[in-house]
């Protein structure tokens, strides 16, 4: 939490203080009244693709900034992105780790790309990812995920997209990488 508290980025929830009082740990954070992105994950609540791309770019910029500070989120998922009007905040950064293994960083990158690819054309997501990561970084990320189990929520979204669009998201990304 202390490492995450040093982060100063417009798309990362601010952490003001951490501590302990009477053996109870506390965390004082920015109050941001928004809607978790997972609330927009059903076919009838989807956000416009253009906004999803903008949100993706902002989230990638926030993650890139945090990585540059030696902090890795490790729990990238729609429930950890809050949106309100034209603002977005990455939350749960207090539980990030400092200097995770390269393998863990690669898995986090692949998971973020896969989740974004469920709403936006995987080619477009891949092109945006290459603004922040090299082709080799992305290829290593997908290589690292070979033995990783995809969370059940993500699996159901992947199946729904495959059924609806006839696109196998994971295979398409691996083909691009």
Protein backbone atom coordinates (compact mmCIF):
# COMPACT_ATOMS: atom_id res chain seq x y z
CA UNK A 1 0.00 0.00 0.00
CA UNK A 2 2.84 2.39 0.77
CA UNK A 3 4.42 1.85 -2.66
CA UNK A 4 1.05 2.36 -4.35
CA UNK A 5 0.53 5.49 -2.24
CA UNK A 6 3.43 7.12 -4.05
CA UNK A 7 1.66 6.77 -7.40
CA UNK A 8 0.40 10.06 -8.81
CA UNK A 9 -1.61 9.48 -11.99
CA UNK A 10 -5.01 10.87 -13.02
CA UNK A 11 -6.36 7.38 -13.78
CA UNK A 12 -5.17 5.67 -10.59
CA UNK A 13 -7.16 6.05 -7.37
CA UNK A 14 -5.14 8.15 -4.92
CA UNK A 15 -4.03 6.67 -1.61
CA UNK A 16 -3.62 9.38 1.02
CA UNK A 17 -2.58 7.48 4.11
CA UNK A 18 -2.03 4.01 5.52
CA UNK A 19 -1.49 2.92 9.05
CA UNK A 20 -2.63 1.03 12.06
CA UNK A 21 -4.62 2.17 15.07
CA UNK A 22 -5.39 -0.12 18.00
CA UNK A 23 -4.23 -3.12 15.93
CA UNK A 24 -6.66 -2.26 13.11
CA UNK A 25 -5.09 -1.48 9.73
CA UNK A 26 -6.56 1.39 7.74
CA UNK A 27 -6.23 2.88 4.29
CA UNK A 28 -7.42 6.40 3.39
CA UNK A 29 -8.12 6.72 -0.33
CA UNK A 30 -9.65 9.14 -2.81
CA UNK A 31 -13.43 8.92 -2.96
CA UNK A 32 -14.54 8.33 -6.53
CA UNK A 33 -18.21 7.67 -7.17
CA UNK A 34 -18.25 5.65 -10.34
CA UNK A 35 -19.55 2.42 -11.81
CA UNK A 36 -17.34 -0.65 -12.00
CA UNK A 37 -16.67 -1.62 -15.59
CA UNK A 38 -18.03 -5.13 -14.98
CA UNK A 39 -21.48 -3.50 -14.67
CA UNK A 40 -21.16 -2.89 -18.43
CA UNK A 41 -20.26 -6.48 -19.32
CA UNK A 42 -23.58 -7.81 -20.52
CA UNK A 43 -24.91 -7.42 -24.04
CA UNK A 44 -27.56 -4.89 -22.93
CA UNK A 45 -25.18 -2.69 -20.87
CA UNK A 46 -22.15 -2.48 -23.17
CA UNK A 47 -20.41 0.86 -23.57
CA UNK A 48 -19.81 2.36 -27.03
CA UNK A 49 -16.71 0.84 -28.68
CA UNK A 50 -15.04 4.26 -29.09
CA UNK A 51 -15.31 4.89 -25.33
CA UNK A 52 -14.03 1.37 -24.60
CA UNK A 53 -10.94 2.09 -26.72
CA UNK A 54 -10.36 5.38 -24.89
CA UNK A 55 -10.86 3.67 -21.54
CA UNK A 56 -8.44 0.92 -22.62
CA UNK A 57 -5.80 3.46 -23.54
CA UNK A 58 -6.20 5.28 -20.21
CA UNK A 59 -6.00 2.02 -18.26
CA UNK A 60 -2.90 0.98 -20.22
CA UNK A 61 -1.30 4.38 -19.54
CA UNK A 62 -2.04 4.02 -15.82
CA UNK A 63 -0.58 0.51 -15.74
CA UNK A 64 2.45 1.60 -17.74
CA UNK A 65 3.03 4.46 -15.29
CA UNK A 66 2.67 2.14 -12.27
CA UNK A 67 5.04 -0.43 -13.84
CA UNK A 68 7.56 2.38 -14.37
CA UNK A 69 7.35 3.10 -10.64
CA UNK A 70 7.99 -0.58 -9.84
CA UNK A 71 4.36 -1.27 -8.88
CA UNK A 72 2.29 -3.97 -10.60
CA UNK A 73 -1.44 -4.25 -9.99
CA UNK A 74 -1.81 -8.05 -10.35
CA UNK A 75 -5.61 -8.03 -10.36
CA UNK A 76 -6.63 -6.35 -13.60
CA UNK A 77 -10.30 -7.01 -14.19
CA UNK A 78 -13.38 -4.97 -15.08
CA UNK A 79 -14.44 -4.72 -11.43
CA UNK A 80 -11.22 -2.81 -10.69
CA UNK A 81 -11.88 -0.03 -13.18
CA UNK A 82 -14.40 2.63 -12.16
CA UNK A 83 -15.95 4.91 -14.78
CA UNK A 84 -17.91 8.14 -14.37
CA UNK A 85 -18.77 10.45 -17.25
CA UNK A 86 -15.43 10.85 -19.06
CA UNK A 87 -13.27 9.75 -16.12
CA UNK A 88 -11.78 6.38 -15.25
CA UNK A 89 -9.90 5.18 -12.16
CA UNK A 90 -7.92 2.02 -11.59
CA UNK A 91 -8.73 0.80 -8.07
CA UNK A 92 -7.29 -1.80 -5.69
CA UNK A 93 -3.77 -0.49 -6.31
CA UNK A 94 -3.12 -0.72 -2.57
CA UNK A 95 -2.84 -4.48 -3.00
CA UNK A 96 -0.31 -4.25 -5.81
CA UNK A 97 3.10 -5.83 -5.50
CA UNK A 98 6.48 -4.27 -5.95
CA UNK A 99 8.77 -5.84 -8.54
CA UNK A 100 6.86 -9.00 -9.37
CA UNK A 101 8.50 -11.65 -11.47
CA UNK A 102 8.69 -11.09 -15.22
CA UNK A 103 6.37 -14.10 -15.63
CA UNK A 104 3.71 -12.47 -13.40
CA UNK A 105 3.97 -9.21 -15.33
CA UNK A 106 3.57 -11.10 -18.60
CA UNK A 107 0.46 -12.91 -17.36
CA UNK A 108 -1.06 -9.61 -16.18
CA UNK A 109 -0.45 -8.04 -19.59
CA UNK A 110 -2.00 -10.98 -21.45
CA UNK A 111 -5.05 -10.99 -19.16
CA UNK A 112 -5.63 -7.27 -19.72
CA UNK A 113 -5.38 -7.67 -23.50
CA UNK A 114 -7.75 -10.66 -23.53
CA UNK A 115 -10.38 -8.89 -21.39
CA UNK A 116 -10.28 -5.78 -23.59
CA UNK A 117 -10.48 -7.95 -26.70
CA UNK A 118 -13.84 -9.27 -25.60
CA UNK A 119 -15.47 -5.92 -26.39
CA UNK A 120 -13.24 -4.46 -29.07
CA UNK A 121 -11.77 -6.06 -32.20
CA UNK A 122 -8.65 -7.97 -31.03
CA UNK A 123 -6.59 -6.40 -33.84
CA UNK A 124 -7.45 -2.91 -32.57
CA UNK A 125 -6.60 -3.88 -28.95
CA UNK A 126 -3.31 -5.38 -30.13
CA UNK A 127 -2.45 -2.19 -32.04
CA UNK A 128 -3.17 -0.10 -28.92
CA UNK A 129 -1.08 -2.45 -26.76
CA UNK A 130 1.90 -1.96 -29.08
CA UNK A 131 1.85 1.74 -28.15
CA UNK A 132 3.10 0.71 -24.70
CA UNK A 133 4.68 -2.72 -25.15
CA UNK A 134 6.94 -4.26 -27.77
CA UNK A 135 5.83 -7.15 -29.99
CA UNK A 136 8.25 -9.35 -28.03
CA UNK A 137 6.64 -8.27 -24.70
CA UNK A 138 3.21 -9.25 -26.02
CA UNK A 139 4.44 -12.55 -27.48
CA UNK A 140 6.10 -13.42 -24.15
CA UNK A 141 2.88 -12.49 -22.33
CA UNK A 142 0.84 -14.96 -24.37
CA UNK A 143 3.55 -17.60 -24.06
CA UNK A 144 3.38 -17.19 -20.27
CA UNK A 145 -0.39 -17.78 -20.26
CA UNK A 146 -0.23 -21.22 -21.90
CA UNK A 147 -0.51 -22.99 -18.55
CA UNK A 148 -2.64 -20.35 -16.83
CA UNK A 149 -6.29 -21.02 -16.10
CA UNK A 150 -8.56 -18.24 -17.31
CA UNK A 151 -10.97 -17.06 -14.55
CA UNK A 152 -14.50 -18.44 -14.89
CA UNK A 153 -16.04 -14.98 -15.47
CA UNK A 154 -13.64 -14.39 -18.35
CA UNK A 155 -14.23 -17.86 -19.80
CA UNK A 156 -17.98 -17.20 -20.01
CA UNK A 157 -17.36 -13.84 -21.76
CA UNK A 158 -14.96 -15.50 -24.21
CA UNK A 159 -17.54 -18.20 -25.01
CA UNK A 160 -20.28 -15.58 -25.45
CA UNK A 161 -18.13 -13.52 -27.84
CA UNK A 162 -17.10 -16.64 -29.80
CA UNK A 163 -20.73 -17.70 -30.13
CA UNK A 164 -21.96 -14.19 -31.06
CA UNK A 165 -19.16 -13.03 -33.37
CA UNK A 166 -17.62 -16.30 -34.48
CA UNK A 167 -14.26 -14.97 -33.22
CA UNK A 168 -11.99 -17.07 -31.01
CA UNK A 169 -10.42 -14.17 -29.07
CA UNK A 170 -7.57 -16.05 -27.44
CA UNK A 171 -6.53 -17.78 -30.66
CA UNK A 172 -6.67 -14.50 -32.58
CA UNK A 173 -4.39 -12.75 -30.07
CA UNK A 174 -1.93 -15.64 -30.06
CA UNK A 175 -1.91 -15.44 -33.85
CA UNK A 176 -1.14 -11.71 -33.74
CA UNK A 177 1.62 -12.16 -31.17
